[in-house]
Structure formats: C-alpha cells, structure tokens
C-alpha cells in the first residue's frame, strides 16, 4: 500500500485495501457501461 498507509493497523489496512478494490471495480463497471459492454460481477461478501 505504500508509505501513506504504513502506520495503519492490520485491520485498518485491510479496510483501506477493500475500499480501494471496490473503487476500482466501480470505475471498471462505469467504463464497461459507457462502452455498452455487458458484464457480470461474480463473488463478493455477503
């Protein structure tokens, strides 16, 4: 995660990592939708 997150606890670091993945997935979904490409997201929590 780099120096920016070096002082976070393990659990806080995991929360940051999960949020970064969610943000990346959101950007990917938006790009696919804008291009008119059908997609499916598989997996996830819950």
PDB file of N, CA and C in Angstrom:
ATOM      1  N   UNK A   1       0.814  -1.199   0.000  1.00  0.00           N
ATOM      2  CA  UNK A   1       0.000   0.000   0.000  1.00  0.00           C
ATOM      3  C   UNK A   1       0.854   1.259   0.000  1.00  0.00           C
ATOM      4  N   UNK A   2       2.100   1.138   0.317  1.00  0.00           N
ATOM      5  CA  UNK A   2       2.981   2.289   0.273  1.00  0.00           C
ATOM      6  C   UNK A   2       3.098   2.989   1.606  1.00  0.00           C
ATOM      7  N   UNK A   3       3.966   3.989   1.637  1.00  0.00           N
ATOM      8  CA  UNK A   3       4.244   4.735   2.867  1.00  0.00           C
ATOM      9  C   UNK A   3       3.012   5.407   3.435  1.00  0.00           C
ATOM     10  N   UNK A   4       2.106   5.819   2.591  1.00  0.00           N
ATOM     11  CA  UNK A   4       0.916   6.533   3.027  1.00  0.00           C
ATOM     12  C   UNK A   4       0.130   5.747   4.066  1.00  0.00           C
ATOM     13  N   UNK A   5       0.163   4.414   3.986  1.00  0.00           N
ATOM     14  CA  UNK A   5      -0.617   3.567   4.873  1.00  0.00           C
ATOM     15  C   UNK A   5       0.250   2.773   5.854  1.00  0.00           C
ATOM     16  N   UNK A   6       1.510   3.080   5.933  1.00  0.00           N
ATOM     17  CA  UNK A   6       2.455   2.286   6.720  1.00  0.00           C
ATOM     18  C   UNK A   6       2.106   2.245   8.204  1.00  0.00           C
ATOM     19  N   UNK A   7       1.477   3.253   8.748  1.00  0.00           N
ATOM     20  CA  UNK A   7       1.204   3.302  10.179  1.00  0.00           C
ATOM     21  C   UNK A   7      -0.169   2.778  10.566  1.00  0.00           C
ATOM     22  N   UNK A   8      -0.930   2.263   9.606  1.00  0.00           N
ATOM     23  CA  UNK A   8      -2.251   1.721   9.906  1.00  0.00           C
ATOM     24  C   UNK A   8      -2.122   0.350  10.564  1.00  0.00           C
ATOM     25  N   UNK A   9      -3.072   0.013  11.427  1.00  0.00           N
ATOM     26  CA  UNK A   9      -3.122  -1.334  11.972  1.00  0.00           C
ATOM     27  C   UNK A   9      -3.476  -2.299  10.851  1.00  0.00           C
ATOM     28  N   UNK A  10      -3.288  -3.570  11.120  1.00  0.00           N
ATOM     29  CA  UNK A  10      -3.593  -4.573  10.103  1.00  0.00           C
ATOM     30  C   UNK A  10      -5.053  -4.486   9.669  1.00  0.00           C
ATOM     31  N   UNK A  11      -5.969  -4.396  10.625  1.00  0.00           N
ATOM     32  CA  UNK A  11      -7.388  -4.353  10.264  1.00  0.00           C
ATOM     33  C   UNK A  11      -7.738  -3.071   9.507  1.00  0.00           C
ATOM     34  N   UNK A  12      -7.160  -1.953   9.897  1.00  0.00           N
ATOM     35  CA  UNK A  12      -7.414  -0.701   9.182  1.00  0.00           C
ATOM     36  C   UNK A  12      -6.846  -0.778   7.767  1.00  0.00           C
ATOM     37  N   UNK A  13      -5.689  -1.402   7.628  1.00  0.00           N
ATOM     38  CA  UNK A  13      -5.094  -1.575   6.312  1.00  0.00           C
ATOM     39  C   UNK A  13      -5.957  -2.444   5.414  1.00  0.00           C
ATOM     40  N   UNK A  14      -6.573  -3.475   5.998  1.00  0.00           N
ATOM     41  CA  UNK A  14      -7.458  -4.337   5.226  1.00  0.00           C
ATOM     42  C   UNK A  14      -8.697  -3.571   4.773  1.00  0.00           C
ATOM     43  N   UNK A  15      -9.223  -2.724   5.630  1.00  0.00           N
ATOM     44  CA  UNK A  15     -10.388  -1.910   5.261  1.00  0.00           C
ATOM     45  C   UNK A  15     -10.032  -0.997   4.092  1.00  0.00           C
ATOM     46  N   UNK A  16      -8.872  -0.372   4.154  1.00  0.00           N
ATOM     47  CA  UNK A  16      -8.424   0.503   3.067  1.00  0.00           C
ATOM     48  C   UNK A  16      -8.265  -0.294   1.775  1.00  0.00           C
ATOM     49  N   UNK A  17      -7.681  -1.481   1.877  1.00  0.00           N
ATOM     50  CA  UNK A  17      -7.474  -2.307   0.681  1.00  0.00           C
ATOM     51  C   UNK A  17      -8.804  -2.705   0.047  1.00  0.00           C
ATOM     52  N   UNK A  18      -9.765  -3.102   0.863  1.00  0.00           N
ATOM     53  CA  UNK A  18     -11.078  -3.493   0.335  1.00  0.00           C
ATOM     54  C   UNK A  18     -11.754  -2.300  -0.328  1.00  0.00           C
ATOM     55  N   UNK A  19     -11.666  -1.138   0.297  1.00  0.00           N
ATOM     56  CA  UNK A  19     -12.275   0.058  -0.290  1.00  0.00           C
ATOM     57  C   UNK A  19     -11.624   0.402  -1.632  1.00  0.00           C
ATOM     58  N   UNK A  20     -10.315   0.237  -1.729  1.00  0.00           N
ATOM     59  CA  UNK A  20      -9.637   0.509  -2.996  1.00  0.00           C
ATOM     60  C   UNK A  20     -10.098  -0.451  -4.092  1.00  0.00           C
ATOM     61  N   UNK A  21     -10.323  -1.711  -3.733  1.00  0.00           N
ATOM     62  CA  UNK A  21     -10.822  -2.685  -4.709  1.00  0.00           C
ATOM     63  C   UNK A  21     -12.230  -2.304  -5.151  1.00  0.00           C
ATOM     64  N   UNK A  22     -13.074  -1.914  -4.201  1.00  0.00           N
ATOM     65  CA  UNK A  22     -14.439  -1.502  -4.553  1.00  0.00           C
ATOM     66  C   UNK A  22     -14.429  -0.303  -5.496  1.00  0.00           C
ATOM     67  N   UNK A  23     -13.554   0.660  -5.221  1.00  0.00           N
ATOM     68  CA  UNK A  23     -13.460   1.840  -6.082  1.00  0.00           C
ATOM     69  C   UNK A  23     -13.002   1.452  -7.485  1.00  0.00           C
ATOM     70  N   UNK A  24     -12.029   0.553  -7.559  1.00  0.00           N
ATOM     71  CA  UNK A  24     -11.532   0.114  -8.864  1.00  0.00           C
ATOM     72  C   UNK A  24     -12.623  -0.629  -9.623  1.00  0.00           C
ATOM     73  N   UNK A  25     -13.371  -1.474  -8.942  1.00  0.00           N
ATOM     74  CA  UNK A  25     -14.467  -2.194  -9.579  1.00  0.00           C
ATOM     75  C   UNK A  25     -15.534  -1.231 -10.080  1.00  0.00           C
ATOM     76  N   UNK A  26     -15.823  -0.202  -9.301  1.00  0.00           N
ATOM     77  CA  UNK A  26     -16.816   0.795  -9.714  1.00  0.00           C
ATOM     78  C   UNK A  26     -16.369   1.513 -10.988  1.00  0.00           C
ATOM     79  N   UNK A  27     -15.094   1.885 -11.050  1.00  0.00           N
ATOM     80  CA  UNK A  27     -14.575   2.547 -12.260  1.00  0.00           C
ATOM     81  C   UNK A  27     -14.635   1.614 -13.465  1.00  0.00           C
ATOM     82  N   UNK A  28     -14.294   0.347 -13.253  1.00  0.00           N
ATOM     83  CA  UNK A  28     -14.338  -0.623 -14.353  1.00  0.00           C
ATOM     84  C   UNK A  28     -15.766  -0.807 -14.844  1.00  0.00           C
ATOM     85  N   UNK A  29     -16.716  -0.921 -13.919  1.00  0.00           N
ATOM     86  CA  UNK A  29     -18.124  -1.087 -14.300  1.00  0.00           C
ATOM     87  C   UNK A  29     -18.625   0.127 -15.068  1.00  0.00           C
ATOM     88  N   UNK A  30     -18.258   1.312 -14.623  1.00  0.00           N
ATOM     89  CA  UNK A  30     -18.671   2.533 -15.328  1.00  0.00           C
ATOM     90  C   UNK A  30     -18.106   2.571 -16.737  1.00  0.00           C
ATOM     91  N   UNK A  31     -16.854   2.161 -16.900  1.00  0.00           N
ATOM     92  CA  UNK A  31     -16.240   2.153 -18.227  1.00  0.00           C
ATOM     93  C   UNK A  31     -16.923   1.137 -19.141  1.00  0.00           C
ATOM     94  N   UNK A  32     -17.224  -0.040 -18.610  1.00  0.00           N
ATOM     95  CA  UNK A  32     -17.906  -1.057 -19.407  1.00  0.00           C
ATOM     96  C   UNK A  32     -19.297  -0.596 -19.804  1.00  0.00           C
ATOM     97  N   UNK A  33     -20.028  -0.007 -18.882  1.00  0.00           N
ATOM     98  CA  UNK A  33     -21.368   0.504 -19.190  1.00  0.00           C
ATOM     99  C   UNK A  33     -21.310   1.598 -20.246  1.00  0.00           C
ATOM    100  N   UNK A  34     -20.348   2.507 -20.116  1.00  0.00           N
ATOM    101  CA  UNK A  34     -20.215   3.596 -21.087  1.00  0.00           C
ATOM    102  C   UNK A  34     -19.916   3.067 -22.483  1.00  0.00           C
ATOM    103  N   UNK A  35     -19.202   1.937 -22.542  1.00  0.00           N
ATOM    104  CA  UNK A  35     -18.857   1.343 -23.830  1.00  0.00           C
ATOM    105  C   UNK A  35     -19.941   0.399 -24.343  1.00  0.00           C
ATOM    106  N   UNK A  36     -21.000   0.199 -23.552  1.00  0.00           N
ATOM    107  CA  UNK A  36     -22.080  -0.678 -23.967  1.00  0.00           C
ATOM    108  C   UNK A  36     -21.726  -2.142 -23.917  1.00  0.00           C
ATOM    109  N   UNK A  37     -20.781  -2.497 -23.062  1.00  0.00           N
ATOM    110  CA  UNK A  37     -20.327  -3.885 -22.939  1.00  0.00           C
ATOM    111  C   UNK A  37     -21.022  -4.541 -21.752  1.00  0.00           C
ATOM    112  N   UNK A  38     -21.681  -5.668 -22.025  1.00  0.00           N
ATOM    113  CA  UNK A  38     -22.345  -6.409 -20.953  1.00  0.00           C
ATOM    114  C   UNK A  38     -21.285  -7.074 -20.063  1.00  0.00           C
ATOM    115  N   UNK A  39     -21.546  -7.114 -18.771  1.00  0.00           N
ATOM    116  CA  UNK A  39     -20.591  -7.717 -17.842  1.00  0.00           C
ATOM    117  C   UNK A  39     -21.340  -8.285 -16.644  1.00  0.00           C
ATOM    118  N   UNK A  40     -20.687  -9.156 -15.924  1.00  0.00           N
ATOM    119  CA  UNK A  40     -21.228  -9.715 -14.686  1.00  0.00           C
ATOM    120  C   UNK A  40     -20.115  -9.705 -13.645  1.00  0.00           C
ATOM    121  N   UNK A  41     -20.453  -9.307 -12.442  1.00  0.00           N
ATOM    122  CA  UNK A  41     -19.513  -9.357 -11.324  1.00  0.00           C
ATOM    123  C   UNK A  41     -19.853 -10.600 -10.509  1.00  0.00           C
ATOM    124  N   UNK A  42     -18.856 -11.447 -10.280  1.00  0.00           N
ATOM    125  CA  UNK A  42     -19.068 -12.694  -9.557  1.00  0.00           C
ATOM    126  C   UNK A  42     -18.310 -12.641  -8.245  1.00  0.00           C
ATOM    127  N   UNK A  43     -18.941 -13.108  -7.200  1.00  0.00           N
ATOM    128  CA  UNK A  43     -18.288 -13.163  -5.895  1.00  0.00           C
ATOM    129  C   UNK A  43     -18.659 -11.972  -5.042  1.00  0.00           C
ATOM    130  N   UNK A  44     -17.956 -11.811  -3.968  1.00  0.00           N
ATOM    131  CA  UNK A  44     -18.220 -10.690  -3.076  1.00  0.00           C
ATOM    132  C   UNK A  44     -18.606 -11.159  -1.692  1.00  0.00           C
ATOM    133  N   UNK A  45     -18.707 -10.215  -0.808  1.00  0.00           N
ATOM    134  CA  UNK A  45     -19.043 -10.520   0.575  1.00  0.00           C
ATOM    135  C   UNK A  45     -20.548 -10.464   0.759  1.00  0.00           C
ATOM    136  N   UNK A  46     -21.029 -11.350   1.569  1.00  0.00           N
ATOM    137  CA  UNK A  46     -22.431 -11.297   1.948  1.00  0.00           C
ATOM    138  C   UNK A  46     -23.244 -12.233   1.255  1.00  0.00           C
TER     139      UNK A  46
END
